Amino acid sequence: MERSSRSKSLFRDMRSRELGGFRKRRFITQMGSDFTEMGSVTVEHNGEETPPLSVSFCKTSKYSHILAVSDEDGYVSLFDTRTEFPSEKARISDWVAHQNAIFDVCWIKEDTNILTASGDQTIKVWDAQEKKCTGILMGHTGSVKSLSPHPTNSDLLISASRDGSFAIWDLRCKTTSKTRCSEAHVTPAAMVQGAHLSSRAKRVRRGKAASMSITSVLYLKDEVSIATAGAADSIVKFWDTRNLKVQVTQASPNIKSSTEKERRLHGISSLSQDLNGVFLTATCMDNRIYLYNVLQLDKGPMRSFSGCRIESFYVKSTISPDAAHILSGSSDGNAYIWQVNKPDVDPITLKTHDGEVTAVDWCPSEVGKIATSSDDFTVS
């Protein structure tokens, strides 16, 4: 009873937002198969190609044409998507941000700063114009897989790691480093360990890093809730940042099957939410994308979308800001777009790559502009 009341209280603001409505701006005006590729760039440095791992458009309308790309070699590259591809003029800048792969990248502070999450177990804060590291966040003991900034306070963010933990960070709580880089060091304001360990794994022994890994986190739009997902199963957990001792609630697909293999729970590679924060998607390793209403989590997913192949945790999906469409990568080399209100209609298939399509993103200000990345070393 207590958990139920907490859950209702937690999402009250979202409910009023949904009932009150908000002005939607459609991100695709007409669904059709006539998407035109603006072009593509090869992600390479000093003549060596490398797979891109994350893509992120700037969030403000002034700079929304700028796309940040992180890659396996630890570089961050910035591209001007207004420039006709392919062209070296499209690349604004690039720099070595880590000596290891960068699994996630995102913009903060009105697009003046970039956050990078790396296999070196750290998160760095970068001045995007100066390409200067202004802070390093240390506390995880495994690769940092996912980042999500607070929806209104650019000093707060959450991270998820292969070590099975998620952490809350406050960039204002920093100390000056004595290292040669002279960047500020930040330690977690809070951390939850073993957030997605199954009860069986806890009884038997500590699970392997891959199975305990938290693959995705979201700071929800109510400004106090966190959603987390992991590699072990298809459960999305929800937490209240004011009391992290126990999760508030959780949601998962209702898997009904006759065989043990089909009953097996699948991990989740990514989470996303719409601009209003009412709808949440979970990209599941059962080759489905599940759509949840955070106000009705007890009912399970309201819809599911199929047609893509999700064979690695690098394949991501994201819901459009207006909650009308879902964009996903796929292991078959295509990207797919579904209409949220027509889950049974075949998705649009975008045949733009020769390898697994991994990270994807919607441009927040230009209707219909998307970015896709692939193991073929390109971003389209």
Protein backbone atom coordinates (compact mmCIF):
# COMPACT_ATOMS: atom_id res chain seq x y z
CA MET A 1 0.00 0.00 0.00
CA GLU A 2 2.81 2.37 0.88
CA ARG A 3 4.60 1.68 -2.40
CA SER A 4 1.39 2.24 -4.35
CA SER A 5 0.76 5.62 -2.73
CA ARG A 6 4.38 6.67 -3.31
CA SER A 7 4.12 5.68 -6.95
CA LYS A 8 0.94 7.69 -7.42
CA SER A 9 2.48 10.70 -5.71
CA LEU A 10 5.64 10.39 -7.75
CA PHE A 11 3.89 10.71 -11.10
CA ARG A 12 1.16 13.20 -10.11
CA ASP A 13 2.77 16.04 -12.06
CA MET A 14 2.97 13.90 -15.17
CA ARG A 15 -0.72 13.04 -14.88
CA SER A 16 -1.74 16.70 -14.68
CA ARG A 17 0.49 17.41 -17.65
CA GLU A 18 -1.16 14.65 -19.68
CA LEU A 19 -4.71 15.65 -18.73
CA GLY A 20 -4.02 19.33 -19.26
CA GLY A 21 -2.44 18.66 -22.61
CA PHE A 22 0.45 20.41 -24.30
CA ARG A 23 1.11 21.80 -27.71
CA LYS A 24 2.58 19.07 -29.87
CA ARG A 25 4.81 19.80 -32.82
CA ARG A 26 4.88 16.86 -35.18
CA PHE A 27 8.30 15.50 -36.03
CA ILE A 28 7.14 13.72 -39.17
CA THR A 29 4.38 15.47 -41.08
CA GLN A 30 3.44 12.55 -43.33
CA MET A 31 4.39 8.93 -43.04
CA GLY A 32 5.74 7.45 -46.21
CA SER A 33 8.69 5.65 -47.70
CA ASP A 34 10.12 8.74 -49.37
CA PHE A 35 12.76 9.55 -46.75
CA THR A 36 15.79 11.07 -48.42
CA GLU A 37 19.27 10.52 -47.09
CA MET A 38 20.94 13.90 -46.71
CA GLY A 39 24.27 12.14 -46.78
CA SER A 40 26.69 10.28 -44.58
CA VAL A 41 30.10 10.74 -43.06
CA THR A 42 32.73 8.17 -42.28
CA VAL A 43 33.93 8.28 -38.70
CA GLU A 44 37.71 8.24 -39.00
CA HIS A 45 40.73 9.81 -37.39
CA ASN A 46 44.15 10.04 -38.97
CA GLY A 47 42.99 7.77 -41.76
CA GLU A 48 41.74 5.01 -39.43
CA GLU A 49 38.02 4.19 -39.46
CA THR A 50 36.26 3.46 -36.17
CA PRO A 51 32.69 2.43 -35.23
CA PRO A 52 30.47 5.22 -33.86
CA LEU A 53 28.78 4.29 -30.58
CA SER A 54 26.54 7.25 -29.73
CA VAL A 55 24.95 10.21 -31.52
CA SER A 56 23.26 13.27 -30.02
CA PHE A 57 21.80 16.42 -31.59
CA CYS A 58 22.10 19.67 -29.66
CA LYS A 59 18.94 20.39 -27.69
CA THR A 60 18.49 24.14 -28.23
CA SER A 61 16.95 25.37 -31.48
CA LYS A 62 19.92 27.65 -32.16
CA TYR A 63 22.38 24.75 -32.34
CA SER A 64 20.12 21.78 -33.10
CA HIS A 65 21.86 21.24 -36.45
CA ILE A 66 25.03 20.19 -34.62
CA LEU A 67 25.44 16.46 -34.05
CA ALA A 68 27.86 14.99 -31.53
CA VAL A 69 29.28 11.53 -32.30
CA SER A 70 31.33 9.40 -29.93
CA ASP A 71 33.23 6.33 -31.04
CA GLU A 72 35.12 3.21 -30.08
CA ASP A 73 38.51 4.94 -30.17
CA GLY A 74 37.55 7.54 -27.54
CA TYR A 75 36.96 10.51 -29.85
CA VAL A 76 34.14 13.03 -29.86
CA SER A 77 33.32 14.54 -33.26
CA LEU A 78 30.97 17.45 -33.95
CA PHE A 79 29.24 17.69 -37.33
CA ASP A 80 27.21 20.49 -38.91
CA THR A 81 24.26 18.65 -40.46
CA ARG A 82 23.31 21.68 -42.57
CA THR A 83 26.39 21.05 -44.68
CA GLU A 84 25.94 18.69 -47.60
CA PHE A 85 27.41 15.27 -46.84
CA PRO A 86 29.98 13.92 -47.43
CA SER A 87 32.37 16.78 -46.84
CA GLU A 88 35.18 17.58 -44.47
CA LYS A 89 33.43 20.91 -44.03
CA ALA A 90 30.68 19.06 -42.16
CA ARG A 91 33.13 18.14 -39.41
CA ILE A 92 33.35 21.10 -37.07
CA SER A 93 35.88 19.56 -34.72
CA ASP A 94 37.02 16.36 -33.08
CA TRP A 95 39.24 15.46 -30.15
CA VAL A 96 40.40 12.56 -28.02
CA ALA A 97 38.13 12.61 -24.98
CA HIS A 98 39.13 9.24 -23.46
CA GLN A 99 41.72 6.56 -24.03
CA ASN A 100 38.87 4.06 -24.30
CA ALA A 101 35.51 3.66 -26.02
CA ILE A 102 32.83 6.30 -25.37
CA PHE A 103 29.46 4.58 -24.97
CA ASP A 104 27.27 7.64 -24.49
CA VAL A 105 27.42 11.36 -25.17
CA CYS A 106 24.96 14.13 -24.31
CA TRP A 107 24.67 17.91 -24.26
CA ILE A 108 24.10 20.05 -21.15
CA LYS A 109 24.13 23.72 -20.10
CA GLU A 110 22.42 25.15 -23.19
CA ASP A 111 24.64 23.05 -25.46
CA THR A 112 27.86 24.63 -24.22
CA ASN A 113 29.06 21.46 -22.50
CA ILE A 114 29.22 17.79 -23.43
CA LEU A 115 29.17 14.75 -21.16
CA THR A 116 31.02 11.60 -22.21
CA ALA A 117 30.67 8.13 -20.65
CA SER A 118 33.58 5.79 -21.22
CA GLY A 119 34.93 2.30 -20.87
CA ASP A 120 37.67 3.80 -18.68
CA GLN A 121 35.04 3.93 -15.88
CA THR A 122 34.82 7.73 -15.88
CA ILE A 123 32.52 10.48 -17.09
CA LYS A 124 34.01 13.72 -18.36
CA VAL A 125 32.58 17.20 -18.77
CA TRP A 126 33.80 19.11 -21.83
CA ASP A 127 33.67 22.70 -22.96
CA ALA A 128 32.37 22.03 -26.47
CA GLN A 129 33.94 25.11 -28.03
CA GLU A 130 37.32 24.92 -26.35
CA LYS A 131 37.47 21.09 -26.39
CA LYS A 132 38.68 21.35 -22.81
CA CYS A 133 37.91 18.92 -20.00
CA THR A 134 36.40 20.87 -17.10
CA GLY A 135 35.50 17.96 -14.84
CA ILE A 136 35.92 14.25 -14.36
CA LEU A 137 33.36 12.11 -12.54
CA MET A 138 34.83 9.09 -10.77
CA GLY A 139 33.16 6.37 -8.73
CA HIS A 140 32.12 3.54 -11.04
CA THR A 141 34.20 0.34 -11.18
CA GLY A 142 33.05 -0.73 -14.64
CA SER A 143 32.44 0.82 -18.05
CA VAL A 144 29.95 3.67 -17.93
CA LYS A 145 27.20 2.74 -20.38
CA SER A 146 24.52 5.43 -20.16
CA LEU A 147 23.97 9.06 -19.12
CA SER A 148 20.89 11.19 -18.56
CA PRO A 149 20.88 14.84 -17.44
CA HIS A 150 18.23 16.27 -15.13
CA PRO A 151 15.39 17.79 -17.21
CA THR A 152 15.76 21.30 -15.74
CA ASN A 153 18.90 21.41 -13.57
CA SER A 154 21.98 21.09 -15.76
CA ASP A 155 24.22 20.44 -12.76
CA LEU A 156 22.52 17.11 -12.02
CA LEU A 157 22.82 13.88 -13.98
CA ILE A 158 22.62 10.13 -13.56
CA SER A 159 24.83 7.41 -14.97
CA ALA A 160 24.68 3.64 -15.34
CA SER A 161 27.57 1.21 -15.34
CA ARG A 162 28.54 -2.32 -16.25
CA ASP A 163 29.42 -2.74 -12.56
CA GLY A 164 25.68 -2.97 -11.80
CA SER A 165 25.32 0.46 -10.21
CA PHE A 166 23.70 3.74 -11.10
CA ALA A 167 24.86 7.03 -9.64
CA ILE A 168 23.56 10.56 -9.15
CA TRP A 169 26.06 13.38 -9.68
CA ASP A 170 26.01 17.07 -8.80
CA LEU A 171 28.57 19.04 -10.83
CA ARG A 172 28.60 21.76 -8.18
CA CYS A 173 30.11 19.34 -5.65
CA LYS A 174 33.66 19.23 -6.96
CA THR A 175 37.22 19.55 -5.81
CA THR A 176 40.21 20.85 -7.77
CA SER A 177 42.43 18.07 -9.05
CA LYS A 178 46.19 18.05 -8.59
CA THR A 179 46.69 16.12 -11.81
CA ARG A 180 48.35 17.51 -14.88
CA CYS A 181 44.93 18.11 -16.50
CA SER A 182 43.83 20.36 -13.61
CA GLU A 183 40.21 19.39 -14.10
CA ALA A 184 37.69 19.36 -11.25
CA HIS A 185 36.93 15.98 -9.72
CA VAL A 186 33.40 14.97 -8.78
CA THR A 187 32.31 12.00 -6.67
CA PRO A 188 28.77 10.57 -6.66
CA ALA A 189 26.14 12.34 -4.58
CA ALA A 190 24.44 8.94 -4.30
CA MET A 191 24.97 5.46 -5.72
CA VAL A 192 22.87 2.28 -5.81
CA GLN A 193 24.79 -0.98 -6.21
CA GLY A 194 23.36 -4.18 -7.69
CA ALA A 195 20.24 -2.39 -8.85
CA HIS A 196 19.34 -5.08 -11.40
CA LEU A 197 20.71 -8.24 -9.81
CA SER A 198 18.11 -11.00 -9.92
CA SER A 199 17.07 -12.55 -6.62
CA ARG A 200 18.47 -15.87 -7.83
CA ALA A 201 21.85 -14.30 -8.60
CA LYS A 202 21.91 -12.76 -5.15
CA ARG A 203 21.21 -16.16 -3.54
CA VAL A 204 23.73 -18.13 -5.53
CA ARG A 205 26.66 -15.80 -6.13
CA ARG A 206 27.50 -12.46 -7.55
CA GLY A 207 26.54 -12.39 -11.22
CA LYS A 208 28.99 -11.78 -14.01
CA ALA A 209 29.48 -8.16 -15.00
CA ALA A 210 27.64 -8.61 -18.29
CA SER A 211 24.49 -9.93 -16.57
CA MET A 212 24.46 -7.37 -13.75
CA SER A 213 25.18 -4.45 -16.08
CA ILE A 214 22.80 -1.49 -16.11
CA THR A 215 22.49 -0.59 -19.75
CA SER A 216 20.29 2.51 -19.67
CA VAL A 217 19.06 5.24 -17.31
CA LEU A 218 16.57 8.08 -17.64
CA TYR A 219 15.97 11.11 -15.47
CA LEU A 220 12.19 11.41 -15.81
CA LYS A 221 10.38 14.67 -16.48
CA ASP A 222 8.84 14.88 -13.00
CA GLU A 223 12.41 15.82 -11.94
CA VAL A 224 12.64 13.34 -9.04
CA SER A 225 12.14 9.93 -10.67
CA ILE A 226 14.72 7.69 -12.32
CA ALA A 227 14.14 4.74 -14.65
CA THR A 228 16.79 2.03 -15.01
CA ALA A 229 17.13 -1.08 -17.17
CA GLY A 230 19.73 -3.81 -17.40
CA ALA A 231 21.20 -6.70 -19.31
CA ALA A 232 19.78 -9.41 -17.03
CA ASP A 233 16.07 -9.11 -17.76
CA SER A 234 13.29 -7.06 -19.33
CA ILE A 235 12.33 -5.23 -16.13
CA VAL A 236 12.32 -1.43 -16.01
CA LYS A 237 12.74 -0.17 -12.45
CA PHE A 238 11.65 3.22 -11.14
CA TRP A 239 13.33 5.04 -8.27
CA ASP A 240 12.67 8.16 -6.19
CA THR A 241 15.87 10.21 -5.86
CA ARG A 242 14.72 11.39 -2.43
CA ASN A 243 14.84 7.82 -1.11
CA LEU A 244 16.94 5.34 -3.07
CA LYS A 245 16.82 2.51 -0.53
CA VAL A 246 14.15 0.68 -2.50
CA GLN A 247 12.62 1.04 -5.94
CA VAL A 248 9.20 2.70 -6.13
CA THR A 249 7.77 0.35 -8.73
CA GLN A 250 8.73 -1.63 -11.82
CA ALA A 251 7.30 -2.66 -15.18
CA SER A 252 7.92 -5.52 -17.59
CA PRO A 253 6.30 -7.32 -20.53
CA ASN A 254 3.83 -10.10 -19.83
CA ILE A 255 5.70 -12.96 -21.46
CA LYS A 256 3.42 -15.95 -22.08
CA SER A 257 5.03 -18.91 -23.77
CA SER A 258 5.08 -22.68 -23.68
CA THR A 259 8.81 -23.30 -23.79
CA GLU A 260 11.44 -22.47 -21.21
CA LYS A 261 13.60 -20.86 -23.89
CA GLU A 262 10.81 -18.53 -24.96
CA ARG A 263 9.93 -17.75 -21.34
CA ARG A 264 13.49 -16.60 -20.76
CA LEU A 265 13.68 -12.93 -19.88
CA HIS A 266 15.64 -10.71 -22.25
CA GLY A 267 17.77 -7.73 -21.40
CA ILE A 268 17.07 -4.13 -22.41
CA SER A 269 19.54 -2.12 -24.50
CA SER A 270 18.03 1.37 -24.16
CA LEU A 271 15.27 3.51 -22.69
CA SER A 272 13.78 6.73 -24.06
CA GLN A 273 11.00 9.16 -23.18
CA ASP A 274 8.94 11.72 -25.04
CA LEU A 275 9.15 15.46 -24.44
CA ASN A 276 6.18 15.42 -22.07
CA GLY A 277 7.56 12.50 -20.06
CA VAL A 278 4.40 10.38 -20.12
CA PHE A 279 5.56 7.68 -22.54
CA LEU A 280 8.65 5.53 -22.16
CA THR A 281 10.14 2.99 -24.57
CA ALA A 282 12.29 -0.02 -23.74
CA THR A 283 14.38 -1.64 -26.47
CA CYS A 284 14.35 -5.34 -25.60
CA MET A 285 16.60 -8.16 -26.76
CA ASP A 286 13.52 -10.20 -27.76
CA ASN A 287 13.43 -8.04 -30.93
CA ARG A 288 10.61 -5.87 -29.61
CA ILE A 289 10.30 -2.29 -28.45
CA TYR A 290 7.82 -1.88 -25.61
CA LEU A 291 5.87 1.32 -24.98
CA TYR A 292 4.81 2.18 -21.42
CA ASN A 293 2.60 4.88 -19.98
CA VAL A 294 4.34 5.88 -16.75
CA LEU A 295 0.94 6.67 -15.23
CA GLN A 296 -0.21 3.08 -15.77
CA LEU A 297 2.88 0.97 -15.18
CA ASP A 298 0.89 -1.72 -13.37
CA LYS A 299 -0.82 -2.55 -16.66
CA GLY A 300 2.44 -3.43 -18.37
CA PRO A 301 3.32 -2.22 -21.87
CA MET A 302 0.48 -0.52 -23.71
CA ARG A 303 1.96 -1.49 -27.09
CA SER A 304 4.88 -3.33 -28.62
CA PHE A 305 6.64 -2.86 -31.94
CA SER A 306 8.43 -5.52 -33.98
CA GLY A 307 10.16 -5.86 -37.32
CA CYS A 308 13.71 -4.94 -36.34
CA ARG A 309 16.43 -7.30 -35.10
CA ILE A 310 18.00 -6.46 -31.75
CA GLU A 311 20.92 -8.84 -31.43
CA SER A 312 23.34 -6.68 -29.45
CA PHE A 313 23.15 -4.12 -26.68
CA TYR A 314 24.54 -1.52 -29.10
CA VAL A 315 21.22 -1.39 -30.99
CA LYS A 316 19.11 1.48 -29.60
CA SER A 317 15.74 3.07 -30.22
CA THR A 318 14.18 6.40 -29.28
CA ILE A 319 10.68 7.84 -29.26
CA SER A 320 10.14 11.15 -31.05
CA PRO A 321 9.69 14.21 -28.80
CA ASP A 322 6.01 14.45 -29.81
CA ALA A 323 5.48 10.74 -28.95
CA ALA A 324 4.11 10.04 -32.44
CA HIS A 325 6.90 7.83 -33.81
CA ILE A 326 9.64 5.45 -32.71
CA LEU A 327 13.01 5.26 -34.47
CA SER A 328 15.24 2.22 -34.03
CA GLY A 329 18.46 0.73 -35.26
CA SER A 330 18.66 -2.94 -36.16
CA SER A 331 21.17 -5.75 -36.52
CA ASP A 332 20.02 -6.34 -40.12
CA GLY A 333 21.60 -3.09 -41.33
CA ASN A 334 18.38 -1.07 -41.53
CA ALA A 335 16.76 1.63 -39.43
CA TYR A 336 13.02 1.50 -38.76
CA ILE A 337 10.31 4.04 -37.96
CA TRP A 338 6.92 3.06 -36.50
CA GLN A 339 3.77 5.08 -35.93
CA VAL A 340 3.04 4.89 -32.22
CA ASN A 341 -0.73 4.81 -32.71
CA LYS A 342 -0.47 2.06 -35.37
CA PRO A 343 1.81 -0.63 -33.91
CA ASP A 344 0.50 -3.31 -36.27
CA VAL A 345 1.36 -1.33 -39.40
CA ASP A 346 4.71 -2.25 -40.95
CA PRO A 347 7.40 0.29 -40.12
CA ILE A 348 9.20 2.43 -42.64
CA THR A 349 12.49 0.74 -43.52
CA LEU A 350 15.53 2.95 -44.08
CA LYS A 351 18.23 1.09 -45.99
CA THR A 352 21.19 3.36 -45.41
CA HIS A 353 23.94 1.19 -43.93
CA ASP A 354 25.97 -1.95 -44.63
CA GLY A 355 26.39 -2.98 -41.00
CA GLU A 356 24.42 -3.20 -37.78
CA VAL A 357 22.61 0.10 -37.12
CA THR A 358 23.24 1.09 -33.52
CA ALA A 359 22.65 4.54 -31.99
CA VAL A 360 19.92 6.82 -33.38
CA ASP A 361 18.54 10.26 -32.55
CA TRP A 362 15.82 12.75 -33.53
CA CYS A 363 16.71 16.35 -34.30
CA PRO A 364 14.63 18.36 -31.80
CA SER A 365 14.02 21.39 -34.04
CA GLU A 366 13.99 20.20 -37.66
CA VAL A 367 10.95 18.14 -38.55
CA GLY A 368 11.84 14.72 -39.92
CA LYS A 369 15.62 14.99 -39.49
CA ILE A 370 17.17 11.95 -37.83
CA ALA A 371 20.65 10.52 -37.35
CA THR A 372 21.64 6.85 -37.55
CA SER A 373 25.02 5.25 -36.86
CA SER A 374 26.42 1.90 -37.86
CA ASP A 375 29.17 -0.66 -37.53
CA ASP A 376 30.04 0.21 -41.14
CA PHE A 377 31.88 3.23 -39.62
CA THR A 378 29.34 5.76 -40.93
CA VAL A 379 26.75 8.17 -39.59
CA SER A 380 23.81 9.11 -41.83
